[in-house]
């Protein structure tokens, strides 16, 4: 496991963004764990969080012209990443969307410069891939290219087919889909940690049921 992956999981656990228990997801699936990146806003080093994303972006070799952070979690994640990259001398245009289109003032549903060229989408989690497809459609409607997609956690769940949601996105849109950690990483982390090893069986059963 890489240093940025360990850092990300520790930040997620310390901020209670990652919790274990019994949860019902938006998809209706019952899950033994839940991830809510919003908790990182009040109890996490956002700079360290951003570094995890930046390290993963570099490690995966992602190439792009601009950054897009879908509402709502992608707004602060994309902003942090763009800030750290600019500190390092790599300045990228940043934009994000409104949930509802604005019909006054500057109008539209995009805040910032409209995505153009090759776009990197930054978000918190990938489950069934529904939210990712919405972002991709938004970018394509603006005549830009959704080139890469990175999330903090890939749940490695089936999408609309027997394939993983991440693989469906790769195949459907010819794009690079990456994550800082995925369910396999989480299981490996839990297996080797005496505090969380009690949740190992539940995670393995979940992977056997919904994993692809």
C-alpha atoms as a PDB file:
ATOM      1  CA  UNK A   1       0.000   0.000   0.000  1.00  0.00           C
ATOM      2  CA  UNK A   2       1.351   3.424  -0.927  1.00  0.00           C
ATOM      3  CA  UNK A   3       1.917   6.268   1.522  1.00  0.00           C
ATOM      4  CA  UNK A   4      -0.807   8.472   0.036  1.00  0.00           C
ATOM      5  CA  UNK A   5      -3.313   5.612   0.332  1.00  0.00           C
ATOM      6  CA  UNK A   6      -2.512   5.061   4.009  1.00  0.00           C
ATOM      7  CA  UNK A   7      -2.737   8.815   4.635  1.00  0.00           C
ATOM      8  CA  UNK A   8      -6.109   9.003   2.896  1.00  0.00           C
ATOM      9  CA  UNK A   9      -7.586   6.142   4.920  1.00  0.00           C
ATOM     10  CA  UNK A  10      -6.265   7.574   8.179  1.00  0.00           C
ATOM     11  CA  UNK A  11      -7.761  10.992   7.339  1.00  0.00           C
ATOM     12  CA  UNK A  12     -11.073   9.359   6.426  1.00  0.00           C
ATOM     13  CA  UNK A  13     -11.217   7.384   9.670  1.00  0.00           C
ATOM     14  CA  UNK A  14     -10.088  10.236  11.919  1.00  0.00           C
ATOM     15  CA  UNK A  15     -12.694  12.588  10.444  1.00  0.00           C
ATOM     16  CA  UNK A  16     -15.390   9.879  10.551  1.00  0.00           C
ATOM     17  CA  UNK A  17     -15.816  10.245   6.810  1.00  0.00           C
ATOM     18  CA  UNK A  18     -15.316   6.492   6.679  1.00  0.00           C
ATOM     19  CA  UNK A  19     -17.471   4.563   9.135  1.00  0.00           C
ATOM     20  CA  UNK A  20     -18.351   0.928   9.657  1.00  0.00           C
ATOM     21  CA  UNK A  21     -21.812  -0.393  10.524  1.00  0.00           C
ATOM     22  CA  UNK A  22     -25.039  -1.076   8.649  1.00  0.00           C
ATOM     23  CA  UNK A  23     -25.958   1.503   6.023  1.00  0.00           C
ATOM     24  CA  UNK A  24     -28.435   1.728   3.151  1.00  0.00           C
ATOM     25  CA  UNK A  25     -26.918   3.399   0.111  1.00  0.00           C
ATOM     26  CA  UNK A  26     -28.667   5.605  -2.447  1.00  0.00           C
ATOM     27  CA  UNK A  27     -28.707   2.548  -4.706  1.00  0.00           C
ATOM     28  CA  UNK A  28     -30.735   0.677  -2.075  1.00  0.00           C
ATOM     29  CA  UNK A  29     -27.884  -1.705  -1.326  1.00  0.00           C
ATOM     30  CA  UNK A  30     -27.137  -2.552   2.298  1.00  0.00           C
ATOM     31  CA  UNK A  31     -23.477  -1.824   3.045  1.00  0.00           C
ATOM     32  CA  UNK A  32     -21.166  -2.580   6.009  1.00  0.00           C
ATOM     33  CA  UNK A  33     -19.411   0.751   5.540  1.00  0.00           C
ATOM     34  CA  UNK A  34     -20.185   4.300   4.501  1.00  0.00           C
ATOM     35  CA  UNK A  35     -18.058   7.127   3.108  1.00  0.00           C
ATOM     36  CA  UNK A  36     -19.064  10.783   3.387  1.00  0.00           C
ATOM     37  CA  UNK A  37     -16.303  13.182   2.362  1.00  0.00           C
ATOM     38  CA  UNK A  38     -18.270  16.161   3.731  1.00  0.00           C
ATOM     39  CA  UNK A  39     -17.095  15.205   7.231  1.00  0.00           C
ATOM     40  CA  UNK A  40     -13.579  16.071   6.151  1.00  0.00           C
ATOM     41  CA  UNK A  41     -14.558  19.734   6.012  1.00  0.00           C
ATOM     42  CA  UNK A  42     -14.845  19.982   9.788  1.00  0.00           C
ATOM     43  CA  UNK A  43     -12.354  17.455  11.111  1.00  0.00           C
ATOM     44  CA  UNK A  44      -9.528  16.896   8.670  1.00  0.00           C
ATOM     45  CA  UNK A  45      -6.374  18.486   7.306  1.00  0.00           C
ATOM     46  CA  UNK A  46      -7.698  19.580   3.943  1.00  0.00           C
ATOM     47  CA  UNK A  47      -4.178  20.252   2.751  1.00  0.00           C
ATOM     48  CA  UNK A  48      -3.159  16.664   3.519  1.00  0.00           C
ATOM     49  CA  UNK A  49      -6.334  15.432   1.823  1.00  0.00           C
ATOM     50  CA  UNK A  50      -5.511  17.456  -1.279  1.00  0.00           C
ATOM     51  CA  UNK A  51      -1.982  16.073  -1.299  1.00  0.00           C
ATOM     52  CA  UNK A  52      -3.393  12.542  -1.364  1.00  0.00           C
ATOM     53  CA  UNK A  53      -5.323  13.415  -4.528  1.00  0.00           C
ATOM     54  CA  UNK A  54      -2.348  15.178  -6.112  1.00  0.00           C
ATOM     55  CA  UNK A  55      -0.016  12.274  -5.326  1.00  0.00           C
ATOM     56  CA  UNK A  56      -2.527   9.843  -6.833  1.00  0.00           C
ATOM     57  CA  UNK A  57      -2.929  12.020  -9.949  1.00  0.00           C
ATOM     58  CA  UNK A  58       0.827  11.984 -10.469  1.00  0.00           C
ATOM     59  CA  UNK A  59       1.172   8.288  -9.626  1.00  0.00           C
ATOM     60  CA  UNK A  60      -1.526   7.365 -12.168  1.00  0.00           C
ATOM     61  CA  UNK A  61      -0.005   9.618 -14.810  1.00  0.00           C
ATOM     62  CA  UNK A  62      -3.201  11.585 -15.449  1.00  0.00           C
ATOM     63  CA  UNK A  63      -2.903  14.232 -18.172  1.00  0.00           C
ATOM     64  CA  UNK A  64      -5.488  17.012 -18.547  1.00  0.00           C
ATOM     65  CA  UNK A  65      -6.100  20.626 -19.480  1.00  0.00           C
ATOM     66  CA  UNK A  66      -8.616  21.633 -16.813  1.00  0.00           C
ATOM     67  CA  UNK A  67     -10.349  20.412 -13.646  1.00  0.00           C
ATOM     68  CA  UNK A  68     -14.063  19.859 -13.098  1.00  0.00           C
ATOM     69  CA  UNK A  69     -15.530  19.231  -9.639  1.00  0.00           C
ATOM     70  CA  UNK A  70     -19.180  18.124  -9.662  1.00  0.00           C
ATOM     71  CA  UNK A  71     -21.476  19.495  -6.954  1.00  0.00           C
ATOM     72  CA  UNK A  72     -21.269  19.126  -4.110  1.00  0.00           C
ATOM     73  CA  UNK A  73     -18.242  17.185  -2.831  1.00  0.00           C
ATOM     74  CA  UNK A  74     -16.270  17.760  -6.021  1.00  0.00           C
ATOM     75  CA  UNK A  75     -16.438  21.515  -5.469  1.00  0.00           C
ATOM     76  CA  UNK A  76     -14.166  21.559  -2.432  1.00  0.00           C
ATOM     77  CA  UNK A  77     -12.072  18.601  -3.590  1.00  0.00           C
ATOM     78  CA  UNK A  78     -11.387  20.148  -6.986  1.00  0.00           C
ATOM     79  CA  UNK A  79     -10.602  23.501  -5.365  1.00  0.00           C
ATOM     80  CA  UNK A  80      -8.074  21.988  -2.945  1.00  0.00           C
ATOM     81  CA  UNK A  81      -6.370  19.991  -5.691  1.00  0.00           C
ATOM     82  CA  UNK A  82      -6.190  22.984  -8.043  1.00  0.00           C
ATOM     83  CA  UNK A  83      -4.682  25.074  -5.233  1.00  0.00           C
ATOM     84  CA  UNK A  84      -1.944  22.554  -4.438  1.00  0.00           C
ATOM     85  CA  UNK A  85      -1.131  22.055  -8.114  1.00  0.00           C
ATOM     86  CA  UNK A  86      -0.855  25.830  -8.571  1.00  0.00           C
ATOM     87  CA  UNK A  87       1.547  25.979  -5.606  1.00  0.00           C
ATOM     88  CA  UNK A  88       3.692  23.528  -7.536  1.00  0.00           C
ATOM     89  CA  UNK A  89       3.599  25.730 -10.629  1.00  0.00           C
ATOM     90  CA  UNK A  90       0.894  23.778 -12.453  1.00  0.00           C
ATOM     91  CA  UNK A  91      -2.064  26.077 -13.034  1.00  0.00           C
ATOM     92  CA  UNK A  92      -5.281  24.561 -14.380  1.00  0.00           C
ATOM     93  CA  UNK A  93      -8.661  26.225 -14.996  1.00  0.00           C
ATOM     94  CA  UNK A  94     -11.243  25.039 -12.473  1.00  0.00           C
ATOM     95  CA  UNK A  95     -15.001  24.787 -12.833  1.00  0.00           C
ATOM     96  CA  UNK A  96     -17.949  23.132 -11.157  1.00  0.00           C
ATOM     97  CA  UNK A  97     -21.674  22.935 -11.666  1.00  0.00           C
ATOM     98  CA  UNK A  98     -24.790  24.119  -9.927  1.00  0.00           C
ATOM     99  CA  UNK A  99     -27.459  21.574  -9.098  1.00  0.00           C
ATOM    100  CA  UNK A 100     -30.019  23.941 -10.615  1.00  0.00           C
ATOM    101  CA  UNK A 101     -29.354  26.215 -13.560  1.00  0.00           C
ATOM    102  CA  UNK A 102     -29.249  29.924 -12.707  1.00  0.00           C
ATOM    103  CA  UNK A 103     -31.467  32.144 -14.868  1.00  0.00           C
ATOM    104  CA  UNK A 104     -30.107  35.541 -13.754  1.00  0.00           C
ATOM    105  CA  UNK A 105     -26.724  37.217 -13.313  1.00  0.00           C
ATOM    106  CA  UNK A 106     -24.102  35.204 -15.182  1.00  0.00           C
ATOM    107  CA  UNK A 107     -26.691  32.471 -15.742  1.00  0.00           C
ATOM    108  CA  UNK A 108     -26.086  28.861 -16.667  1.00  0.00           C
ATOM    109  CA  UNK A 109     -25.122  25.972 -14.453  1.00  0.00           C
ATOM    110  CA  UNK A 110     -21.320  26.183 -14.672  1.00  0.00           C
ATOM    111  CA  UNK A 111     -19.269  28.239 -12.220  1.00  0.00           C
ATOM    112  CA  UNK A 112     -15.830  29.190 -13.489  1.00  0.00           C
ATOM    113  CA  UNK A 113     -14.462  28.815 -16.989  1.00  0.00           C
ATOM    114  CA  UNK A 114     -16.395  26.255 -19.000  1.00  0.00           C
ATOM    115  CA  UNK A 115     -14.492  22.969 -19.309  1.00  0.00           C
ATOM    116  CA  UNK A 116     -12.513  22.710 -22.546  1.00  0.00           C
ATOM    117  CA  UNK A 117      -9.962  20.344 -23.995  1.00  0.00           C
ATOM    118  CA  UNK A 118      -9.169  17.282 -21.880  1.00  0.00           C
ATOM    119  CA  UNK A 119     -10.996  17.413 -18.551  1.00  0.00           C
ATOM    120  CA  UNK A 120     -10.127  15.793 -15.215  1.00  0.00           C
ATOM    121  CA  UNK A 121     -13.205  15.090 -13.083  1.00  0.00           C
ATOM    122  CA  UNK A 122     -12.550  14.991  -9.320  1.00  0.00           C
ATOM    123  CA  UNK A 123     -15.088  13.535  -6.890  1.00  0.00           C
ATOM    124  CA  UNK A 124     -15.297  11.707  -3.567  1.00  0.00           C
ATOM    125  CA  UNK A 125     -16.682   8.243  -4.294  1.00  0.00           C
ATOM    126  CA  UNK A 126     -17.646   5.949  -7.173  1.00  0.00           C
ATOM    127  CA  UNK A 127     -20.512   3.532  -6.504  1.00  0.00           C
ATOM    128  CA  UNK A 128     -22.864   2.587  -9.334  1.00  0.00           C
ATOM    129  CA  UNK A 129     -21.431   5.276 -11.622  1.00  0.00           C
ATOM    130  CA  UNK A 130     -24.652   7.288 -12.032  1.00  0.00           C
ATOM    131  CA  UNK A 131     -23.211  10.594 -10.784  1.00  0.00           C
ATOM    132  CA  UNK A 132     -20.076  10.077 -12.865  1.00  0.00           C
ATOM    133  CA  UNK A 133     -22.127   9.663 -16.026  1.00  0.00           C
ATOM    134  CA  UNK A 134     -23.980  12.909 -15.275  1.00  0.00           C
ATOM    135  CA  UNK A 135     -20.673  14.786 -15.041  1.00  0.00           C
ATOM    136  CA  UNK A 136     -19.418  13.185 -18.228  1.00  0.00           C
ATOM    137  CA  UNK A 137     -22.593  14.180 -20.087  1.00  0.00           C
ATOM    138  CA  UNK A 138     -22.264  17.772 -18.840  1.00  0.00           C
ATOM    139  CA  UNK A 139     -18.692  17.969 -20.108  1.00  0.00           C
ATOM    140  CA  UNK A 140     -19.495  16.398 -23.473  1.00  0.00           C
ATOM    141  CA  UNK A 141     -22.455  18.772 -23.939  1.00  0.00           C
ATOM    142  CA  UNK A 142     -19.906  21.605 -23.664  1.00  0.00           C
ATOM    143  CA  UNK A 143     -17.831  20.026 -26.467  1.00  0.00           C
ATOM    144  CA  UNK A 144     -15.029  19.127 -24.058  1.00  0.00           C
ATOM    145  CA  UNK A 145     -13.471  15.686 -23.567  1.00  0.00           C
ATOM    146  CA  UNK A 146     -13.876  13.795 -20.279  1.00  0.00           C
ATOM    147  CA  UNK A 147     -10.329  12.435 -20.294  1.00  0.00           C
ATOM    148  CA  UNK A 148      -9.867  11.238 -16.709  1.00  0.00           C
ATOM    149  CA  UNK A 149     -11.898  10.683 -13.566  1.00  0.00           C
ATOM    150  CA  UNK A 150     -10.434  10.308 -10.077  1.00  0.00           C
ATOM    151  CA  UNK A 151     -12.238   9.641  -6.804  1.00  0.00           C
ATOM    152  CA  UNK A 152     -11.094   9.134  -3.242  1.00  0.00           C
ATOM    153  CA  UNK A 153     -12.851   5.772  -2.924  1.00  0.00           C
ATOM    154  CA  UNK A 154     -13.916   3.337  -5.623  1.00  0.00           C
ATOM    155  CA  UNK A 155     -16.401   0.923  -4.027  1.00  0.00           C
ATOM    156  CA  UNK A 156     -15.672  -1.540  -6.886  1.00  0.00           C
ATOM    157  CA  UNK A 157     -19.368  -2.278  -7.292  1.00  0.00           C
ATOM    158  CA  UNK A 158     -21.221  -3.541 -10.315  1.00  0.00           C
ATOM    159  CA  UNK A 159     -22.696  -0.855 -12.498  1.00  0.00           C
ATOM    160  CA  UNK A 160     -25.618  -1.501 -14.845  1.00  0.00           C
ATOM    161  CA  UNK A 161     -23.990  -4.757 -15.983  1.00  0.00           C
ATOM    162  CA  UNK A 162     -21.810  -7.400 -14.356  1.00  0.00           C
ATOM    163  CA  UNK A 163     -18.826  -5.121 -14.923  1.00  0.00           C
ATOM    164  CA  UNK A 164     -17.543  -2.745 -12.270  1.00  0.00           C
ATOM    165  CA  UNK A 165     -18.915   0.784 -12.575  1.00  0.00           C
ATOM    166  CA  UNK A 166     -15.370   2.053 -13.142  1.00  0.00           C
ATOM    167  CA  UNK A 167     -14.869  -0.373 -16.037  1.00  0.00           C
ATOM    168  CA  UNK A 168     -18.207   0.617 -17.561  1.00  0.00           C
ATOM    169  CA  UNK A 169     -17.065   4.242 -17.590  1.00  0.00           C
ATOM    170  CA  UNK A 170     -13.730   3.290 -19.157  1.00  0.00           C
ATOM    171  CA  UNK A 171     -15.396   1.233 -21.864  1.00  0.00           C
ATOM    172  CA  UNK A 172     -18.252   3.633 -22.611  1.00  0.00           C
ATOM    173  CA  UNK A 173     -16.265   6.864 -22.722  1.00  0.00           C
ATOM    174  CA  UNK A 174     -12.677   5.774 -23.439  1.00  0.00           C
ATOM    175  CA  UNK A 175     -11.392   7.550 -20.362  1.00  0.00           C
ATOM    176  CA  UNK A 176      -9.002   6.822 -17.505  1.00  0.00           C
ATOM    177  CA  UNK A 177     -10.859   6.082 -14.244  1.00  0.00           C
ATOM    178  CA  UNK A 178      -8.753   5.968 -11.086  1.00  0.00           C
ATOM    179  CA  UNK A 179      -9.052   6.176  -7.315  1.00  0.00           C
ATOM    180  CA  UNK A 180      -6.865   6.843  -4.306  1.00  0.00           C
ATOM    181  CA  UNK A 181      -8.185   3.664  -2.670  1.00  0.00           C
ATOM    182  CA  UNK A 182     -10.748   1.027  -3.568  1.00  0.00           C
ATOM    183  CA  UNK A 183     -12.577  -1.723  -1.696  1.00  0.00           C
ATOM    184  CA  UNK A 184      -9.620  -4.095  -2.111  1.00  0.00           C
ATOM    185  CA  UNK A 185      -7.329  -1.487  -0.530  1.00  0.00           C
ATOM    186  CA  UNK A 186      -9.777  -0.973   2.324  1.00  0.00           C
ATOM    187  CA  UNK A 187     -10.008  -4.714   2.971  1.00  0.00           C
ATOM    188  CA  UNK A 188      -6.217  -4.993   3.022  1.00  0.00           C
ATOM    189  CA  UNK A 189      -5.993  -2.074   5.456  1.00  0.00           C
ATOM    190  CA  UNK A 190      -8.653  -3.506   7.784  1.00  0.00           C
ATOM    191  CA  UNK A 191      -7.129  -6.989   7.675  1.00  0.00           C
ATOM    192  CA  UNK A 192      -3.840  -5.666   9.033  1.00  0.00           C
ATOM    193  CA  UNK A 193      -5.277  -3.322  11.669  1.00  0.00           C
ATOM    194  CA  UNK A 194      -6.327  -4.807  15.023  1.00  0.00           C
ATOM    195  CA  UNK A 195      -8.788  -1.962  15.679  1.00  0.00           C
ATOM    196  CA  UNK A 196     -10.807  -2.539  12.508  1.00  0.00           C
ATOM    197  CA  UNK A 197     -10.204  -6.240  11.742  1.00  0.00           C
ATOM    198  CA  UNK A 198     -13.606  -7.078  13.276  1.00  0.00           C
ATOM    199  CA  UNK A 199     -15.213  -5.629  10.124  1.00  0.00           C
ATOM    200  CA  UNK A 200     -13.265  -7.841   7.713  1.00  0.00           C
ATOM    201  CA  UNK A 201     -15.920 -10.541   7.294  1.00  0.00           C
ATOM    202  CA  UNK A 202     -18.629  -8.013   6.490  1.00  0.00           C
ATOM    203  CA  UNK A 203     -16.446  -6.298   3.889  1.00  0.00           C
ATOM    204  CA  UNK A 204     -15.546  -9.594   2.239  1.00  0.00           C
ATOM    205  CA  UNK A 205     -19.210 -10.659   2.086  1.00  0.00           C
ATOM    206  CA  UNK A 206     -20.138  -7.309   0.560  1.00  0.00           C
ATOM    207  CA  UNK A 207     -17.441  -7.672  -2.096  1.00  0.00           C
ATOM    208  CA  UNK A 208     -18.653 -11.192  -2.890  1.00  0.00           C
ATOM    209  CA  UNK A 209     -22.241  -9.922  -3.282  1.00  0.00           C
ATOM    210  CA  UNK A 210     -21.843  -6.620  -5.117  1.00  0.00           C
ATOM    211  CA  UNK A 211     -18.278  -6.617  -6.347  1.00  0.00           C
ATOM    212  CA  UNK A 212     -17.360  -7.004  -9.968  1.00  0.00           C
END
